[in-house]
Protein backbone atom coordinates (compact mmCIF):
# COMPACT_ATOMS: atom_id res chain seq x y z
CA MET A 1 -3.66 0.15 -14.58
CA GLU A 2 -5.30 -1.70 -17.85
CA ILE A 3 -8.94 -1.58 -18.56
CA LYS A 4 -10.41 -4.84 -20.46
CA ILE A 5 -13.87 -4.68 -22.08
CA HIS A 6 -16.10 -7.31 -21.79
CA ASP A 7 -19.11 -7.10 -24.25
CA LEU A 8 -22.07 -9.26 -23.23
CA ASN A 9 -25.18 -9.01 -25.93
CA GLY A 10 -24.37 -5.28 -25.92
CA ILE A 11 -23.67 -4.90 -22.54
CA ARG A 12 -20.03 -3.24 -21.87
CA ILE A 13 -18.15 -4.37 -18.62
CA ALA A 14 -14.79 -2.91 -17.30
CA GLU A 15 -12.65 -4.99 -16.10
CA VAL A 16 -9.88 -3.36 -14.03
CA ILE A 17 -6.56 -4.74 -14.00
CA SER A 18 -3.64 -3.76 -12.00
CA GLU A 19 -0.61 -5.18 -9.86
CA GLY A 20 -0.83 -2.68 -7.04
CA ILE A 21 -3.69 -0.96 -4.90
CA LEU A 22 -5.73 1.42 -6.71
CA ILE A 23 -8.33 2.32 -4.20
CA GLN A 24 -6.52 3.53 -0.92
CA ASN A 25 -9.71 5.60 0.51
CA PRO A 26 -13.10 6.48 -0.78
CA GLN A 27 -12.05 9.36 -3.04
CA ASP A 28 -9.78 6.80 -5.08
CA GLY A 29 -13.15 4.88 -5.28
CA LEU A 30 -15.09 7.29 -6.32
CA GLN A 31 -12.74 8.88 -8.86
CA LEU A 32 -12.22 5.26 -10.65
CA PHE A 33 -15.67 4.46 -10.77
CA VAL A 34 -16.82 8.04 -11.95
CA ASP A 35 -13.77 7.94 -14.83
CA LEU A 36 -15.57 4.58 -15.86
CA TYR A 37 -18.97 5.64 -15.91
CA TYR A 38 -18.04 8.42 -18.00
CA GLN A 39 -16.70 6.09 -20.35
CA ASP A 40 -19.98 4.40 -21.08
CA PHE A 41 -19.28 1.87 -18.37
CA GLY A 42 -22.19 0.91 -15.76
CA LYS A 43 -20.94 -1.91 -15.09
CA MET A 44 -17.21 -2.47 -13.74
CA ILE A 45 -15.22 -5.59 -12.15
CA VAL A 46 -12.16 -4.92 -9.82
CA TYR A 47 -10.46 -7.31 -7.92
CA ALA A 48 -10.34 -7.49 -3.96
CA LYS A 49 -6.46 -7.18 -4.43
CA ASN A 50 -6.60 -3.93 -5.91
CA ILE A 51 -8.43 -2.50 -2.72
CA THR A 52 -7.26 -1.57 0.36
CA PRO A 53 -7.59 -4.29 3.12
CA ASP A 54 -9.33 -1.51 5.37
CA PHE A 55 -12.25 -1.46 2.88
CA PHE A 56 -12.98 -4.86 4.65
CA ASP A 57 -12.84 -3.74 8.04
CA LEU A 58 -16.40 -2.44 8.35
CA LYS A 59 -15.78 -0.61 11.88
CA ASN A 60 -14.13 2.47 9.87
CA GLY A 61 -17.15 2.82 7.52
CA MET A 62 -14.91 2.75 4.31
CA ALA A 63 -16.91 0.32 2.55
CA GLY A 64 -20.09 1.77 3.03
CA GLU A 65 -18.65 5.30 1.62
CA ILE A 66 -17.21 3.74 -1.28
CA LEU A 67 -20.49 1.57 -1.89
CA GLN A 68 -22.84 4.81 -1.26
CA LYS A 69 -21.08 6.13 -4.31
CA VAL A 70 -21.59 3.09 -6.33
CA SER A 71 -25.22 3.48 -5.71
CA ASN A 72 -25.79 6.95 -6.20
CA TYR A 73 -24.08 6.57 -9.91
CA ARG A 74 -26.40 3.33 -10.19
CA ILE A 75 -22.92 1.47 -10.84
CA HIS A 76 -23.09 -2.53 -10.89
CA LEU A 77 -19.91 -3.66 -9.31
CA ALA A 78 -18.33 -6.99 -8.92
CA ILE A 79 -15.41 -7.61 -6.78
CA ILE A 80 -13.37 -10.75 -7.22
CA GLY A 81 -11.54 -12.38 -4.83
CA ASP A 82 -10.62 -14.96 -2.21
CA PHE A 83 -13.23 -13.70 0.82
CA SER A 84 -12.98 -17.30 2.73
CA GLY A 85 -10.55 -15.37 5.39
CA TYR A 86 -13.14 -12.65 6.31
CA THR A 87 -14.87 -15.05 9.06
CA GLY A 88 -16.33 -12.38 11.10
CA LYS A 89 -20.10 -12.16 10.94
CA SER A 90 -20.45 -8.29 10.08
CA ILE A 91 -18.30 -8.67 7.01
CA ARG A 92 -19.95 -12.04 5.95
CA ASP A 93 -23.31 -10.50 6.27
CA PHE A 94 -22.47 -7.40 4.56
CA MET A 95 -21.21 -9.59 1.44
CA TYR A 96 -24.28 -11.88 1.41
CA GLU A 97 -26.66 -8.67 1.64
CA SER A 98 -24.59 -6.93 -1.11
CA ASN A 99 -24.71 -10.09 -3.29
CA LYS A 100 -28.51 -10.47 -2.43
CA HIS A 101 -29.32 -7.14 -3.96
CA GLN A 102 -27.21 -7.60 -7.15
CA GLN A 103 -25.95 -3.96 -7.15
CA VAL A 104 -22.18 -4.90 -5.63
CA ASN A 105 -21.34 -8.48 -6.15
CA PHE A 106 -18.36 -10.19 -4.01
CA VAL A 107 -17.46 -12.99 -6.32
CA SER A 108 -14.43 -15.74 -6.43
CA SER A 109 -14.07 -15.82 -10.62
CA LEU A 110 -14.34 -13.41 -13.41
CA GLU A 111 -17.00 -15.86 -14.92
CA GLU A 112 -19.12 -15.41 -11.87
CA ALA A 113 -18.60 -11.91 -12.17
CA LEU A 114 -19.57 -11.56 -15.96
CA LYS A 115 -22.27 -14.13 -15.16
CA ARG A 116 -23.64 -11.85 -12.59
CA MET A 117 -23.49 -8.46 -14.66
CA SER A 118 -25.28 -9.90 -17.77
CA GLU A 119 -28.52 -10.92 -15.03
CA ASN A 120 -28.83 -7.76 -14.05
């Protein structure tokens, strides 16, 4: 795992880069976010490919549990990926609502993630 640091007008953003899955369960997510939070990163970028596909199955509650931790720590998170394959109404609504509130954003590119992070 590598952490690339982006500095936008004094705002430090951590981009987490990895070849494999880093978040298999809610505890993995919490550990990653807390580790970065205590390194003074309040804004973080992760890639969907580094999160277990179970995260995107809303029935199991994993996404809600992980994103509740993000909310508790007031972390701003961008998840980068191709989400076009998620066609179910529930997951589409979940991503739409998340993007609307801007604490957690589902985006398609690093540029979009950085733009959203610099706006809030």
